[in-house]
Amino acid sequence: MAITKALSVFILALCAMQTLAIDFTASKWIWTNELDSAGNATPGSRAFRRVFTSSANKTALAANILINADDLFTLYVNGAVVGTGTDYRTASAFCVPLAASTNVFAVNATNLGPARNSAGLLLAVQITYTDGSTQTMVTDSSWRSSVTFTTGFEQLGFDDSAWPAATVEGSFPSKAPWGSITSPPPTSSIAPALCAANWVWTNEVSQGNAPVGSRAFRKVFTLPPGQLATSATIFISVDNEYTLYVQGQLVGSSTDWTSAHSYVVNLVPGFQVTIGVLAKNDDGPAALIAAVEIRSAACPLCPSLKSAVTDGTWKFSTSTPVGFQAPGFDDSTWQNVVVEGKYGVGPWGNIPMAS
């Protein structure tokens, strides 16, 4: 599908926006029409569907989904499995790219037995359009339900016209027995921990000391198929000093090894991220430590985070070849670094983040 330059720029701009909050405030607990007077249902799996059509003159881009079920669920969007849940006390959150105009949300929800007991499905979806506007869809009587499964029920083209409307059990959070449930933490709260990183250097260290001079280090991160890196956050410190490069571009430098510094770099979307470090030892011990967070997305509004730290997979050169920091540089003859110890090990200790 062709994407115009203007639309591409707009989508990239959306990456910088904070994803709007989504909650169950307007959602209803629903189930099939087999509930008894006490609100209990027969154990087993039930099918639910909701076809969503974009508002007039709008193009759907992505959906943020908050979902919970008593007891289990498998969530589908446009026929593809998005995720599952097994704890009715805690909600699950997902983000998926959407088709432009028509999308189907389907759920296989299971009530565990052995006796009849409470069963319910609760869901809220925030649709984001390419113009930046949003629309919310929740579980209510507009959903359709079935006590039996037909192959392909999760597919967009499935005919659910004979299915009855879902039965509304009550509103969140007042409906017993569920009340309030725990929401997952926002994606933005996830960050790499420098304390999980390793101090690394070349193979020249002897009795804790390394030769004076500069050394080159590289690490290339390759993302899974369909993912494109949109930004990188790097936490780094070097005894004694460093110059940091991302995708071959100078990002920052420091001569203070007693604290770590952080850098955020916006990237031209791509499937590889190249980190280069020119590190210099003035005397005595020498080491590099870093943690890297790569934010990536198949759809810019559905980011995922890949965290990595300095470990034995980073590469080094005792010389500093011209262009070593650039993507595509041939480091096949470089050796892997030597791990000197975990964060906190002497002589560096628990270095803080720079203020």
Protein backbone atom coordinates (compact mmCIF):
# COMPACT_ATOMS: atom_id res chain seq x y z
CA MET A 1 0.00 0.00 0.00
CA ALA A 2 1.40 3.36 -0.97
CA ILE A 3 1.69 5.98 1.77
CA THR A 4 2.00 9.61 0.77
CA LYS A 5 4.94 11.63 2.03
CA ALA A 6 2.62 13.93 3.98
CA LEU A 7 0.95 10.98 5.69
CA SER A 8 4.31 9.41 6.50
CA VAL A 9 5.46 12.63 8.15
CA PHE A 10 2.22 12.86 10.10
CA ILE A 11 2.47 9.26 11.30
CA LEU A 12 6.04 9.83 12.47
CA ALA A 13 4.85 12.90 14.33
CA LEU A 14 2.29 10.77 16.12
CA CYS A 15 5.13 8.65 17.48
CA ALA A 16 6.14 11.56 19.68
CA MET A 17 2.66 11.87 21.16
CA GLN A 18 1.78 10.29 24.48
CA THR A 19 -0.76 7.54 23.88
CA LEU A 20 -4.08 8.68 25.29
CA ALA A 21 -5.31 6.97 28.44
CA ILE A 22 -7.82 4.17 28.08
CA ASP A 23 -9.92 2.61 30.82
CA PHE A 24 -13.10 0.63 31.46
CA THR A 25 -15.17 3.62 32.61
CA ALA A 26 -17.78 3.26 29.84
CA SER A 27 -17.49 -0.52 29.43
CA LYS A 28 -20.12 -3.11 30.34
CA TRP A 29 -19.62 -6.65 31.52
CA ILE A 30 -21.20 -8.90 28.89
CA TRP A 31 -21.84 -12.61 28.32
CA THR A 32 -24.16 -14.82 26.32
CA ASN A 33 -27.93 -14.99 26.94
CA GLU A 34 -27.65 -18.18 29.03
CA LEU A 35 -27.17 -16.45 32.39
CA ASP A 36 -29.51 -17.60 35.15
CA SER A 37 -31.28 -15.35 37.65
CA ALA A 38 -28.24 -15.40 39.92
CA GLY A 39 -26.00 -14.21 37.09
CA ASN A 40 -24.20 -17.54 36.72
CA ALA A 41 -23.31 -19.31 33.49
CA THR A 42 -22.50 -22.84 32.39
CA PRO A 43 -18.76 -23.55 32.24
CA GLY A 44 -17.27 -23.54 28.76
CA SER A 45 -15.99 -21.32 25.98
CA ARG A 46 -18.14 -18.73 24.20
CA ALA A 47 -17.58 -16.61 21.09
CA PHE A 48 -17.94 -12.83 20.88
CA ARG A 49 -17.59 -10.46 17.91
CA ARG A 50 -17.80 -6.78 17.14
CA VAL A 51 -17.33 -5.31 13.66
CA PHE A 52 -16.07 -1.73 13.75
CA THR A 53 -16.44 0.63 10.78
CA SER A 54 -14.39 3.81 10.69
CA SER A 55 -16.20 7.11 10.89
CA ALA A 56 -16.98 8.81 7.60
CA ASN A 57 -13.95 10.29 5.83
CA LYS A 58 -11.56 8.85 8.42
CA THR A 59 -8.84 6.21 8.12
CA ALA A 60 -8.17 3.91 11.08
CA LEU A 61 -4.52 3.54 12.04
CA ALA A 62 -4.26 1.56 15.28
CA ALA A 63 -6.15 0.30 18.30
CA ASN A 64 -5.20 0.36 21.96
CA ILE A 65 -7.10 -2.46 23.65
CA LEU A 66 -7.81 -3.06 27.34
CA ILE A 67 -9.45 -6.42 28.06
CA ASN A 68 -10.42 -8.73 30.89
CA ALA A 69 -12.50 -11.90 31.11
CA ASP A 70 -13.74 -14.20 33.82
CA ASP A 71 -11.96 -16.61 33.50
CA LEU A 72 -9.84 -16.87 30.31
CA PHE A 73 -9.70 -15.19 26.91
CA THR A 74 -8.05 -15.26 23.50
CA LEU A 75 -8.31 -11.97 21.62
CA TYR A 76 -8.34 -11.71 17.82
CA VAL A 77 -8.23 -8.69 15.53
CA ASN A 78 -9.02 -9.26 11.86
CA GLY A 79 -8.53 -13.00 12.31
CA ALA A 80 -5.08 -12.83 13.91
CA VAL A 81 -4.39 -13.80 17.52
CA VAL A 82 -3.39 -10.70 19.49
CA GLY A 83 -3.02 -12.13 22.98
CA THR A 84 -4.44 -14.19 25.80
CA GLY A 85 -5.32 -13.73 29.46
CA THR A 86 -5.68 -16.13 32.37
CA ASP A 87 -6.29 -13.90 35.42
CA TYR A 88 -9.70 -12.23 35.69
CA ARG A 89 -8.40 -9.99 38.48
CA THR A 90 -5.95 -8.21 36.16
CA ALA A 91 -6.58 -6.52 32.81
CA SER A 92 -4.37 -6.98 29.78
CA ALA A 93 -3.35 -4.29 27.28
CA PHE A 94 -2.55 -4.67 23.59
CA CYS A 95 -1.91 -2.37 20.64
CA VAL A 96 -2.45 -3.44 17.04
CA PRO A 97 -2.42 -1.80 13.61
CA LEU A 98 -5.79 -1.65 11.88
CA ALA A 99 -7.25 -1.82 8.40
CA ALA A 100 -8.34 1.56 7.07
CA SER A 101 -12.13 1.18 7.18
CA THR A 102 -13.50 -2.09 8.60
CA ASN A 103 -12.07 -4.21 11.42
CA VAL A 104 -13.39 -7.10 13.48
CA PHE A 105 -12.62 -7.70 17.14
CA ALA A 106 -13.33 -11.26 18.29
CA VAL A 107 -12.89 -13.03 21.62
CA ASN A 108 -12.94 -16.65 22.71
CA ALA A 109 -13.88 -16.30 26.38
CA THR A 110 -13.94 -19.28 28.74
CA ASN A 111 -15.80 -19.74 32.01
CA LEU A 112 -14.11 -22.38 34.15
CA GLY A 113 -16.13 -24.87 36.17
CA PRO A 114 -16.99 -27.30 37.36
CA ALA A 115 -20.25 -25.74 38.58
CA ARG A 116 -22.18 -22.80 37.17
CA ASN A 117 -20.57 -19.53 38.27
CA SER A 118 -20.03 -15.92 37.28
CA ALA A 119 -18.73 -15.28 33.76
CA GLY A 120 -18.05 -12.04 31.94
CA LEU A 121 -16.12 -10.18 29.27
CA LEU A 122 -14.99 -6.57 29.63
CA LEU A 123 -13.24 -4.61 26.92
CA ALA A 124 -12.38 -1.04 25.87
CA VAL A 125 -10.81 -0.09 22.55
CA GLN A 126 -9.36 3.26 21.60
CA ILE A 127 -9.25 3.66 17.82
CA THR A 128 -6.73 6.19 16.53
CA TYR A 129 -7.23 7.70 13.07
CA THR A 130 -4.58 9.06 10.75
CA ASP A 131 -5.76 12.62 11.43
CA GLY A 132 -4.87 12.20 15.11
CA SER A 133 -8.45 11.93 16.37
CA THR A 134 -9.65 8.97 18.43
CA GLN A 135 -12.85 7.03 18.98
CA THR A 136 -13.71 4.62 21.79
CA MET A 137 -15.52 1.31 21.47
CA VAL A 138 -16.55 -0.73 24.52
CA THR A 139 -18.30 -3.97 25.34
CA ASP A 140 -22.07 -3.42 25.34
CA SER A 141 -25.16 -4.80 23.62
CA SER A 142 -23.70 -3.94 20.19
CA TRP A 143 -21.47 -7.01 20.50
CA ARG A 144 -22.74 -10.35 19.22
CA SER A 145 -22.30 -13.64 21.07
CA SER A 146 -22.64 -17.35 20.47
CA VAL A 147 -22.69 -20.38 22.77
CA THR A 148 -21.18 -22.47 19.98
CA PHE A 149 -18.12 -21.99 17.84
CA THR A 150 -17.99 -22.01 14.08
CA THR A 151 -14.67 -22.32 12.30
CA GLY A 152 -13.44 -18.91 11.24
CA PHE A 153 -15.66 -16.93 13.64
CA GLU A 154 -12.71 -14.55 14.22
CA GLN A 155 -12.39 -13.66 10.52
CA LEU A 156 -13.63 -10.36 9.09
CA GLY A 157 -15.76 -12.04 6.45
CA PHE A 158 -17.59 -14.37 8.87
CA ASP A 159 -21.39 -13.94 8.84
CA ASP A 160 -22.60 -13.35 12.41
CA SER A 161 -26.01 -11.96 11.42
CA ALA A 162 -27.75 -14.90 13.10
CA TRP A 163 -25.92 -14.42 16.39
CA PRO A 164 -27.90 -12.73 19.18
CA ALA A 165 -26.73 -9.57 20.87
CA ALA A 166 -24.55 -10.04 23.93
CA THR A 167 -26.29 -9.81 27.29
CA VAL A 168 -25.24 -6.82 29.39
CA GLU A 169 -24.60 -7.89 32.99
CA GLY A 170 -23.72 -4.50 34.46
CA SER A 171 -21.37 -1.55 34.42
CA PHE A 172 -17.75 -1.35 35.48
CA PRO A 173 -16.73 -1.03 38.29
CA SER A 174 -20.00 -1.42 40.19
CA LYS A 175 -20.95 -4.83 38.89
CA ALA A 176 -20.43 -7.63 41.42
CA PRO A 177 -18.56 -9.85 41.87
CA TRP A 178 -15.72 -8.17 39.97
CA GLY A 179 -15.63 -4.57 41.18
CA SER A 180 -12.41 -2.77 40.33
CA ILE A 181 -9.64 -4.73 38.64
CA THR A 182 -5.93 -4.10 38.30
CA SER A 183 -4.78 -2.32 35.14
CA PRO A 184 -1.42 -3.10 33.52
CA PRO A 185 1.37 -0.50 33.80
CA PRO A 186 1.73 1.85 30.82
CA THR A 187 4.32 0.86 28.25
CA SER A 188 6.18 4.11 28.82
CA SER A 189 7.06 2.99 32.37
CA ILE A 190 9.31 0.22 31.02
CA ALA A 191 13.02 1.13 30.83
CA PRO A 192 16.29 -0.80 30.68
CA ALA A 193 18.10 -1.20 33.99
CA LEU A 194 21.73 -0.18 33.99
CA CYS A 195 22.11 -2.39 37.04
CA ALA A 196 21.66 -5.41 34.74
CA ALA A 197 24.54 -4.34 32.49
CA ASN A 198 28.14 -5.52 32.51
CA TRP A 199 31.38 -3.61 32.56
CA VAL A 200 33.28 -4.70 29.42
CA TRP A 201 36.58 -3.96 27.73
CA THR A 202 39.08 -5.44 25.32
CA ASN A 203 41.15 -8.57 26.00
CA GLU A 204 44.14 -6.43 27.04
CA VAL A 205 43.28 -6.10 30.73
CA SER A 206 45.99 -7.52 33.00
CA GLN A 207 45.72 -7.56 36.79
CA GLY A 208 42.86 -5.07 36.55
CA ASN A 209 44.68 -2.53 34.41
CA ALA A 210 44.47 -1.75 30.69
CA PRO A 211 46.82 0.00 28.26
CA VAL A 212 46.43 3.72 27.84
CA GLY A 213 44.71 4.82 24.67
CA SER A 214 41.51 4.70 22.62
CA ARG A 215 39.55 1.60 21.65
CA ALA A 216 36.53 1.14 19.36
CA PHE A 217 33.37 -0.77 20.35
CA ARG A 218 30.33 -1.74 18.28
CA LYS A 219 26.97 -3.41 18.73
CA VAL A 220 24.38 -3.93 15.97
CA PHE A 221 20.80 -4.63 17.07
CA THR A 222 18.58 -6.37 14.51
CA LEU A 223 14.84 -6.15 15.14
CA PRO A 224 12.32 -8.95 14.50
CA PRO A 225 10.63 -9.09 11.08
CA GLY A 226 8.02 -6.37 10.65
CA GLN A 227 9.48 -4.12 13.36
CA LEU A 228 11.08 -0.74 12.62
CA ALA A 229 13.17 1.15 15.16
CA THR A 230 11.85 4.65 15.80
CA SER A 231 13.99 5.79 18.75
CA ALA A 232 16.77 4.66 21.05
CA THR A 233 17.60 5.58 24.63
CA ILE A 234 21.15 4.87 25.76
CA PHE A 235 22.52 4.89 29.31
CA ILE A 236 26.32 4.83 29.29
CA SER A 237 29.52 5.36 31.24
CA VAL A 238 33.16 4.69 30.37
CA ASP A 239 36.30 4.70 32.49
CA ASN A 240 37.76 7.15 31.52
CA GLU A 241 35.95 8.87 28.63
CA TYR A 242 33.82 8.17 25.58
CA THR A 243 32.23 9.47 22.42
CA LEU A 244 28.91 7.84 21.57
CA TYR A 245 27.54 7.30 18.06
CA VAL A 246 24.15 5.97 16.96
CA GLN A 247 23.63 5.06 13.29
CA GLY A 248 27.00 6.66 12.62
CA GLN A 249 25.97 10.04 14.01
CA LEU A 250 27.65 11.73 16.98
CA VAL A 251 25.29 11.69 19.96
CA GLY A 252 27.35 12.79 22.96
CA SER A 253 30.51 12.43 25.01
CA SER A 254 31.71 12.55 28.60
CA THR A 255 34.92 12.47 30.61
CA ASP A 256 33.19 11.67 33.91
CA TRP A 257 33.13 7.92 34.53
CA THR A 258 31.77 8.34 38.06
CA SER A 259 28.20 8.75 36.73
CA ALA A 260 26.19 7.48 33.78
CA HIS A 261 24.56 9.73 31.19
CA SER A 262 21.43 9.14 29.16
CA TYR A 263 20.71 10.07 25.55
CA VAL A 264 17.49 9.83 23.53
CA VAL A 265 17.85 9.57 19.76
CA ASN A 266 15.03 9.71 17.22
CA LEU A 267 15.71 7.36 14.33
CA VAL A 268 14.81 7.12 10.68
CA PRO A 269 12.71 3.93 10.83
CA GLY A 270 14.82 0.87 10.08
CA PHE A 271 15.28 -2.73 11.18
CA GLN A 272 18.84 -2.31 12.50
CA VAL A 273 20.39 0.03 15.06
CA THR A 274 24.17 0.46 15.22
CA ILE A 275 25.81 1.66 18.42
CA GLY A 276 29.42 2.79 18.23
CA VAL A 277 31.61 3.91 21.13
CA LEU A 278 35.07 5.45 20.96
CA ALA A 279 36.36 4.80 24.47
CA LYS A 280 39.62 6.06 25.97
CA ASN A 281 41.59 4.90 28.98
CA ASP A 282 43.86 7.44 30.64
CA ASP A 283 45.47 4.99 33.07
CA GLY A 284 44.71 2.04 35.34
CA PRO A 285 41.39 0.18 34.97
CA ALA A 286 39.25 0.66 31.86
CA ALA A 287 35.67 -0.37 31.17
CA LEU A 288 32.48 0.43 29.28
CA ILE A 289 28.96 -0.11 30.60
CA ALA A 290 25.71 0.63 28.77
CA ALA A 291 22.03 -0.17 28.61
CA VAL A 292 20.05 0.42 25.43
CA GLU A 293 16.30 0.72 24.97
CA ILE A 294 15.06 0.54 21.39
CA ARG A 295 11.49 1.59 20.73
CA SER A 296 10.17 -0.11 17.64
CA ALA A 297 6.89 -0.59 15.83
CA ALA A 298 5.27 -2.27 12.90
CA CYS A 299 2.71 0.49 13.34
CA PRO A 300 4.04 3.74 14.85
CA LEU A 301 1.23 3.86 17.43
CA CYS A 302 1.89 0.30 18.65
CA PRO A 303 5.41 0.56 20.00
CA SER A 304 7.34 -2.24 21.60
CA LEU A 305 10.52 -1.96 23.61
CA LYS A 306 13.68 -4.00 23.21
CA SER A 307 16.14 -3.63 26.04
CA ALA A 308 19.75 -4.78 25.91
CA VAL A 309 22.90 -4.25 27.92
CA THR A 310 26.64 -4.51 27.44
CA ASP A 311 27.57 -8.19 27.48
CA GLY A 312 29.87 -10.62 25.72
CA THR A 313 28.21 -10.05 22.33
CA TRP A 314 29.60 -6.54 21.88
CA LYS A 315 32.69 -6.26 19.66
CA PHE A 316 35.94 -4.33 20.01
CA SER A 317 38.98 -3.21 18.06
CA THR A 318 42.28 -2.11 19.59
CA SER A 319 42.60 0.31 16.69
CA THR A 320 40.03 2.93 15.71
CA PRO A 321 39.34 2.46 11.99
CA VAL A 322 37.87 5.37 10.05
CA GLY A 323 34.09 4.95 9.85
CA PHE A 324 33.93 2.17 12.45
CA GLN A 325 30.79 3.78 13.91
CA ALA A 326 28.79 3.66 10.69
CA PRO A 327 26.05 1.13 9.85
CA GLY A 328 27.36 -1.45 7.41
CA PHE A 329 30.96 -1.25 8.62
CA ASP A 330 32.58 -4.69 8.39
CA ASP A 331 33.42 -5.78 11.94
CA SER A 332 33.53 -9.50 11.11
CA THR A 333 37.20 -9.72 12.14
CA TRP A 334 36.63 -7.94 15.45
CA GLN A 335 36.68 -9.99 18.64
CA ASN A 336 34.00 -10.11 21.30
CA VAL A 337 34.57 -7.99 24.40
CA VAL A 338 35.66 -9.41 27.74
CA VAL A 339 33.18 -9.04 30.61
CA GLU A 340 34.91 -7.58 33.66
CA GLY A 341 31.92 -7.76 36.00
CA LYS A 342 28.34 -6.75 36.69
CA TYR A 343 27.17 -3.25 37.55
CA GLY A 344 28.29 -2.53 41.11
CA VAL A 345 31.58 -4.39 40.90
CA GLY A 346 34.76 -2.58 41.97
CA PRO A 347 36.47 -0.32 41.33
CA TRP A 348 33.43 1.43 39.78
CA GLY A 349 30.73 0.54 42.29
CA ASN A 350 27.10 1.64 41.96
CA ILE A 351 27.54 4.64 39.72
CA PRO A 352 24.52 7.00 39.71
CA MET A 353 22.83 8.69 36.78
CA ALA A 354 24.13 12.17 36.14
CA SER A 355 21.77 14.90 37.29
